[in-house]
C-alpha atoms as a PDB file:
ATOM      1  CA  MET A   1      75.511 -10.916 -66.778  1.00  0.00           C
ATOM      2  CA  SER A   2      75.140 -13.954 -68.363  1.00  0.00           C
ATOM      3  CA  GLU A   3      78.189 -16.705 -68.406  1.00  0.00           C
ATOM      4  CA  THR A   4      81.273 -15.844 -71.095  1.00  0.00           C
ATOM      5  CA  ILE A   5      83.464 -17.710 -73.019  1.00  0.00           C
ATOM      6  CA  VAL A   6      86.994 -16.853 -74.625  1.00  0.00           C
ATOM      7  CA  HIS A   7      86.742 -16.891 -77.958  1.00  0.00           C
ATOM      8  CA  ASP A   8      90.086 -17.362 -79.288  1.00  0.00           C
ATOM      9  CA  HIS A   9      90.386 -19.454 -82.688  1.00  0.00           C
ATOM     10  CA  LEU A  10      91.388 -17.643 -86.096  1.00  0.00           C
ATOM     11  CA  PRO A  11      90.313 -16.624 -88.320  1.00  0.00           C
ATOM     12  CA  ILE A  12      86.910 -15.484 -88.065  1.00  0.00           C
ATOM     13  CA  TYR A  13      84.791 -14.949 -91.378  1.00  0.00           C
ATOM     14  CA  ARG A  14      82.095 -12.104 -92.532  1.00  0.00           C
ATOM     15  CA  VAL A  15      80.346 -12.335 -95.843  1.00  0.00           C
ATOM     16  CA  ILE A  16      80.021  -9.682 -97.296  1.00  0.00           C
ATOM     17  CA  ARG A  17      79.240  -8.330-100.829  1.00  0.00           C
ATOM     18  CA  ARG A  18      82.116  -8.151-103.190  1.00  0.00           C
ATOM     19  CA  ALA A  19      81.487  -4.389-103.669  1.00  0.00           C
ATOM     20  CA  TRP A  20      81.801  -3.259-100.134  1.00  0.00           C
ATOM     21  CA  PRO A  21      84.617  -1.317-100.021  1.00  0.00           C
ATOM     22  CA  ASP A  22      85.225  -1.588 -95.902  1.00  0.00           C
ATOM     23  CA  PRO A  23      84.150  -5.579 -94.785  1.00  0.00           C
ATOM     24  CA  LEU A  24      84.568  -4.248 -91.311  1.00  0.00           C
ATOM     25  CA  ASP A  25      82.062  -1.804 -91.827  1.00  0.00           C
ATOM     26  CA  ILE A  26      79.406  -2.163 -89.157  1.00  0.00           C
ATOM     27  CA  SER A  27      76.863   0.572 -90.230  1.00  0.00           C
ATOM     28  CA  TYR A  28      74.793  -2.279 -92.163  1.00  0.00           C
ATOM     29  CA  SER A  29      73.476  -3.436 -88.469  1.00  0.00           C
ATOM     30  CA  GLN A  30      72.310  -0.648 -87.357  1.00  0.00           C
ATOM     31  CA  ARG A  31      69.946   0.027 -90.512  1.00  0.00           C
ATOM     32  CA  SER A  32      66.285   0.455 -88.918  1.00  0.00           C
ATOM     33  CA  ASN A  33      65.060  -1.995 -91.624  1.00  0.00           C
ATOM     34  CA  VAL A  34      66.996  -5.023 -90.808  1.00  0.00           C
ATOM     35  CA  ARG A  35      66.805  -7.821 -88.638  1.00  0.00           C
ATOM     36  CA  ASN A  36      69.693  -8.958 -86.622  1.00  0.00           C
ATOM     37  CA  ARG A  37      69.717 -11.082 -83.391  1.00  0.00           C
ATOM     38  CA  TRP A  38      72.291  -9.113 -81.550  1.00  0.00           C
ATOM     39  CA  ASN A  39      71.908  -5.826 -82.034  1.00  0.00           C
ATOM     40  CA  THR A  40      69.210  -3.058 -82.943  1.00  0.00           C
ATOM     41  CA  PRO A  41      69.367   0.270 -84.373  1.00  0.00           C
ATOM     42  CA  GLU A  42      71.126   1.746 -80.766  1.00  0.00           C
ATOM     43  CA  PHE A  43      74.397  -0.091 -81.309  1.00  0.00           C
ATOM     44  CA  PRO A  44      76.469  -1.861 -83.868  1.00  0.00           C
ATOM     45  CA  ALA A  45      77.256  -5.618 -84.378  1.00  0.00           C
ATOM     46  CA  LEU A  46      79.889  -7.139 -86.536  1.00  0.00           C
ATOM     47  CA  TYR A  47      78.179 -10.147 -87.423  1.00  0.00           C
ATOM     48  CA  CYS A  48      80.916 -12.981 -88.425  1.00  0.00           C
ATOM     49  CA  CYS A  49      81.020 -16.986 -88.488  1.00  0.00           C
ATOM     50  CA  CYS A  50      83.590 -19.522 -86.871  1.00  0.00           C
ATOM     51  CA  SER A  51      84.176 -21.233 -90.482  1.00  0.00           C
ATOM     52  CA  GLU A  52      83.489 -21.456 -93.920  1.00  0.00           C
ATOM     53  CA  THR A  53      81.090 -24.007 -93.533  1.00  0.00           C
ATOM     54  CA  VAL A  54      78.715 -21.594 -91.535  1.00  0.00           C
ATOM     55  CA  ALA A  55      79.458 -18.898 -93.858  1.00  0.00           C
ATOM     56  CA  ARG A  56      78.097 -21.196 -96.581  1.00  0.00           C
ATOM     57  CA  ALA A  57      75.299 -21.817 -94.707  1.00  0.00           C
ATOM     58  CA  VAL A  58      74.438 -18.212 -93.915  1.00  0.00           C
ATOM     59  CA  VAL A  59      74.516 -17.389 -97.610  1.00  0.00           C
ATOM     60  CA  LYS A  60      72.630 -20.715 -98.426  1.00  0.00           C
ATOM     61  CA  ASP A  61      70.206 -19.196 -96.319  1.00  0.00           C
ATOM     62  CA  ILE A  62      70.025 -15.502 -97.360  1.00  0.00           C
ATOM     63  CA  PHE A  63      69.447 -17.269-100.730  1.00  0.00           C
ATOM     64  CA  ARG A  64      66.612 -19.275 -99.863  1.00  0.00           C
ATOM     65  CA  LEU A  65      64.494 -17.097 -97.836  1.00  0.00           C
ATOM     66  CA  THR A  66      65.189 -14.505-100.422  1.00  0.00           C
ATOM     67  CA  ARG A  67      64.617 -16.840-103.482  1.00  0.00           C
ATOM     68  CA  VAL A  68      68.073 -15.810-105.525  1.00  0.00           C
ATOM     69  CA  VAL A  69      70.571 -17.449-107.099  1.00  0.00           C
ATOM     70  CA  LEU A  70      74.065 -16.820-107.460  1.00  0.00           C
ATOM     71  CA  GLU A  71      73.884 -16.676-111.087  1.00  0.00           C
ATOM     72  CA  ASP A  72      71.373 -14.041-110.876  1.00  0.00           C
ATOM     73  CA  LEU A  73      73.605 -11.529-108.911  1.00  0.00           C
ATOM     74  CA  GLN A  74      75.329  -8.861-110.462  1.00  0.00           C
ATOM     75  CA  ASP A  75      79.182  -9.101-109.772  1.00  0.00           C
ATOM     76  CA  THR A  76      79.321  -6.237-107.443  1.00  0.00           C
ATOM     77  CA  ALA A  77      76.428  -8.213-105.040  1.00  0.00           C
ATOM     78  CA  GLN A  78      77.672 -11.481-105.072  1.00  0.00           C
ATOM     79  CA  PRO A  79      78.748 -13.038-101.831  1.00  0.00           C
ATOM     80  CA  GLN A  80      82.676 -12.390-100.995  1.00  0.00           C
ATOM     81  CA  LEU A  81      84.601 -14.237 -97.908  1.00  0.00           C
ATOM     82  CA  ALA A  82      86.765 -11.808 -95.670  1.00  0.00           C
ATOM     83  CA  GLU A  83      89.084 -13.089 -93.389  1.00  0.00           C
ATOM     84  CA  ILE A  84      88.622 -11.463 -89.948  1.00  0.00           C
ATOM     85  CA  LEU A  85      91.277 -11.217 -86.984  1.00  0.00           C
ATOM     86  CA  TRP A  86      89.833 -11.107 -83.069  1.00  0.00           C
ATOM     87  CA  GLU A  87      90.038 -12.681 -79.997  1.00  0.00           C
ATOM     88  CA  GLY A  88      87.994 -11.914 -76.946  1.00  0.00           C
ATOM     89  CA  GLU A  89      85.513 -12.986 -74.192  1.00  0.00           C
ATOM     90  CA  VAL A  90      82.198 -12.965 -75.479  1.00  0.00           C
ATOM     91  CA  ILE A  91      78.792 -13.889 -73.909  1.00  0.00           C
ATOM     92  CA  ASP A  92      77.945 -17.489 -74.509  1.00  0.00           C
ATOM     93  CA  MET A  93      75.180 -18.745 -75.934  1.00  0.00           C
ATOM     94  CA  ILE A  94      76.837 -22.309 -76.957  1.00  0.00           C
ATOM     95  CA  THR A  95      77.029 -24.322 -74.379  1.00  0.00           C
ATOM     96  CA  ALA A  96      73.845 -26.070 -72.110  1.00  0.00           C
ATOM     97  CA  ALA A  97      75.393 -23.099 -69.173  1.00  0.00           C
ATOM     98  CA  GLY A  98      75.531 -20.537 -71.246  1.00  0.00           C
ATOM     99  CA  LEU A  99      71.939 -20.782 -72.653  1.00  0.00           C
ATOM    100  CA  ALA A 100      70.742 -21.768 -69.128  1.00  0.00           C
ATOM    101  CA  SER A 101      72.499 -18.881 -67.782  1.00  0.00           C
ATOM    102  CA  ALA A 102      71.061 -16.448 -70.564  1.00  0.00           C
ATOM    103  CA  GLY A 103      67.302 -17.741 -69.883  1.00  0.00           C
ATOM    104  CA  PHE A 104      67.260 -18.917 -73.099  1.00  0.00           C
ATOM    105  CA  PRO A 105      65.484 -22.727 -73.781  1.00  0.00           C
ATOM    106  CA  SER A 106      68.434 -25.762 -74.558  1.00  0.00           C
ATOM    107  CA  ASP A 107      67.462 -26.140 -77.807  1.00  0.00           C
ATOM    108  CA  TYR A 108      68.572 -22.370 -78.876  1.00  0.00           C
ATOM    109  CA  PRO A 109      67.714 -20.957 -81.525  1.00  0.00           C
ATOM    110  CA  THR A 110      64.448 -23.281 -81.973  1.00  0.00           C
ATOM    111  CA  GLY A 111      61.798 -20.945 -80.245  1.00  0.00           C
ATOM    112  CA  SER A 112      63.653 -18.054 -79.631  1.00  0.00           C
ATOM    113  CA  ASN A 113      62.359 -15.052 -82.005  1.00  0.00           C
ATOM    114  CA  HIS A 114      64.270 -11.145 -82.142  1.00  0.00           C
ATOM    115  CA  SER A 115      62.978  -9.643 -79.948  1.00  0.00           C
ATOM    116  CA  GLN A 116      64.004 -12.152 -77.011  1.00  0.00           C
ATOM    117  CA  THR A 117      68.051 -11.994 -78.318  1.00  0.00           C
ATOM    118  CA  GLN A 118      67.725  -8.310 -79.293  1.00  0.00           C
ATOM    119  CA  ARG A 119      66.375  -7.836 -75.422  1.00  0.00           C
ATOM    120  CA  ALA A 120      69.176 -10.010 -73.802  1.00  0.00           C
ATOM    121  CA  ALA A 121      71.749  -8.209 -76.248  1.00  0.00           C
ATOM    122  CA  THR A 122      71.095  -5.228 -75.419  1.00  0.00           C
ATOM    123  CA  GLU A 123      71.397  -5.716 -71.796  1.00  0.00           C
ATOM    124  CA  TRP A 124      74.839  -7.215 -72.511  1.00  0.00           C
ATOM    125  CA  HIS A 125      76.123  -4.357 -74.516  1.00  0.00           C
ATOM    126  CA  LYS A 126      75.197  -2.114 -71.667  1.00  0.00           C
ATOM    127  CA  ALA A 127      76.950  -3.834 -69.195  1.00  0.00           C
ATOM    128  CA  GLY A 128      80.175  -3.738 -71.275  1.00  0.00           C
ATOM    129  CA  ALA A 129      79.944  -7.592 -73.615  1.00  0.00           C
ATOM    130  CA  ALA A 130      82.536  -7.384 -76.220  1.00  0.00           C
ATOM    131  CA  GLY A 131      80.329  -9.856 -78.370  1.00  0.00           C
ATOM    132  CA  VAL A 132      78.025 -13.031 -78.112  1.00  0.00           C
ATOM    133  CA  LEU A 133      79.150 -16.355 -79.420  1.00  0.00           C
ATOM    134  CA  CYS A 134      76.242 -18.027 -80.461  1.00  0.00           C
ATOM    135  CA  ARG A 135      74.660 -21.312 -82.171  1.00  0.00           C
ATOM    136  CA  SER A 136      73.872 -20.280 -86.155  1.00  0.00           C
ATOM    137  CA  ALA A 137      70.200 -19.762 -86.689  1.00  0.00           C
ATOM    138  CA  SER A 138      71.350 -20.128 -90.289  1.00  0.00           C
ATOM    139  CA  MET A 139      72.446 -23.507 -89.509  1.00  0.00           C
ATOM    140  CA  ARG A 140      69.391 -24.342 -87.639  1.00  0.00           C
ATOM    141  CA  ARG A 141      67.103 -23.181 -90.449  1.00  0.00           C
ATOM    142  CA  LEU A 142      68.999 -25.281 -93.199  1.00  0.00           C
ATOM    143  CA  GLY A 143      68.300 -28.575 -90.718  1.00  0.00           C
ATOM    144  CA  PHE A 144      70.974 -28.716 -88.320  1.00  0.00           C
ATOM    145  CA  SER A 145      70.616 -29.621 -84.880  1.00  0.00           C
ATOM    146  CA  VAL A 146      73.535 -31.153 -83.278  1.00  0.00           C
ATOM    147  CA  TRP A 147      75.063 -28.349 -80.904  1.00  0.00           C
ATOM    148  CA  SER A 148      77.986 -30.605 -80.081  1.00  0.00           C
ATOM    149  CA  GLY A 149      81.636 -31.356 -80.894  1.00  0.00           C
ATOM    150  CA  ASN A 150      83.819 -28.284 -81.760  1.00  0.00           C
ATOM    151  CA  HIS A 151      81.725 -25.318 -82.196  1.00  0.00           C
ATOM    152  CA  GLN A 152      83.452 -23.749 -85.204  1.00  0.00           C
ATOM    153  CA  LEU A 153      81.348 -25.879 -87.291  1.00  0.00           C
ATOM    154  CA  TRP A 154      78.320 -24.230 -85.905  1.00  0.00           C
ATOM    155  CA  SER A 155      78.427 -20.997 -84.365  1.00  0.00           C
ATOM    156  CA  GLU A 156      78.174 -17.936 -85.448  1.00  0.00           C
ATOM    157  CA  LEU A 157      79.940 -14.473 -83.415  1.00  0.00           C
ATOM    158  CA  ALA A 158      78.575 -10.648 -83.332  1.00  0.00           C
ATOM    159  CA  ILE A 159      81.177  -8.816 -81.907  1.00  0.00           C
ATOM    160  CA  TYR A 160      80.272  -5.417 -80.056  1.00  0.00           C
ATOM    161  CA  THR A 161      83.135  -3.188 -81.354  1.00  0.00           C
ATOM    162  CA  GLN A 162      82.165  -0.390 -79.110  1.00  0.00           C
ATOM    163  CA  ASN A 163      82.844  -2.433 -75.987  1.00  0.00           C
ATOM    164  CA  THR A 164      86.063  -4.195 -76.993  1.00  0.00           C
ATOM    165  CA  SER A 165      89.666  -2.837 -76.444  1.00  0.00           C
ATOM    166  CA  THR A 166      90.568  -5.297 -79.311  1.00  0.00           C
ATOM    167  CA  ARG A 167      89.609  -3.944 -82.851  1.00  0.00           C
ATOM    168  CA  PRO A 168      88.993  -6.560 -85.060  1.00  0.00           C
ATOM    169  CA  SER A 169      91.360  -6.428 -88.273  1.00  0.00           C
ATOM    170  CA  LEU A 170      91.310  -7.705 -91.723  1.00  0.00           C
ATOM    171  CA  LEU A 171      93.532 -10.974 -92.673  1.00  0.00           C
ATOM    172  CA  ASN A 172      92.062 -10.900 -96.415  1.00  0.00           C
ATOM    173  CA  ARG A 173      88.935 -10.513 -98.914  1.00  0.00           C
ATOM    174  CA  ARG A 174      88.550 -13.989-100.995  1.00  0.00           C
ATOM    175  CA  ASP A 175      88.065 -13.165-104.484  1.00  0.00           C
ATOM    176  CA  ASP A 176      87.065 -16.995-105.467  1.00  0.00           C
ATOM    177  CA  LEU A 177      83.685 -18.529-104.490  1.00  0.00           C
ATOM    178  CA  ALA A 178      85.101 -21.745-104.151  1.00  0.00           C
ATOM    179  CA  TRP A 179      84.258 -21.233-100.428  1.00  0.00           C
ATOM    180  CA  LEU A 180      80.667 -21.656-101.111  1.00  0.00           C
ATOM    181  CA  GLN A 181      81.060 -25.150-102.512  1.00  0.00           C
ATOM    182  CA  SER A 182      81.350 -27.366 -99.654  1.00  0.00           C
ATOM    183  CA  PRO A 183      83.912 -30.376 -99.623  1.00  0.00           C
ATOM    184  CA  LYS A 184      81.519 -33.309-100.581  1.00  0.00           C
ATOM    185  CA  ASP A 185      79.938 -30.727-103.981  1.00  0.00           C
END
C-alpha cells in the first residue's frame, strides 16, 4: 500500500446542504451520477475539508461550475458547515513522498483525472485504508498551487467509514453563513 500519514487535527469540516438531516450520511457519495475522486458507487466515503478556508473554496468551486449564486438558492439548499471529530491514519496524497509512492505526479491534482484517483481509491479501500488525505482539487481550480506549509489550509480528507474503527462524530452544525466570508472580505 502507499505511504500513510496520521491525520489528527480537529475539527474537520463538511459542507452539506442545510436540509440534510444527517451531516454524516455517506449515501450521496455512492450515487452513480456523482463523480467523486476518492470513491466509486461500490464503496462510500465521507468527504471533509481540513479548514474553513478549504470548505469555502469547495463551495465557491461548486458555485463556479454550476453558475449558481448563493442568493438564488432556497434556504434548504444553502450550504451549511458541519464540524466533525475524527482522527486516523490515512493514505498520504499531500507530500512529495506520498504522491510518488502512490504513482501520482508531483503537481497533483493537476493532470490527474477521476478514473486515476478512483482506481487508486478502489485498491486502497480493498486493502483496508481508513481514508485519503489529499490536496484540494477545488483549491487548485481556484488558482492555488503552493502545496507546502500547514496542510490544513489546502487539503481535503475522504474517510472510508467501512474501514475505520473510529467513527466520525458530529461536533456542531453551523447555522450561520459567516464561514463563507474570507477574513479579508
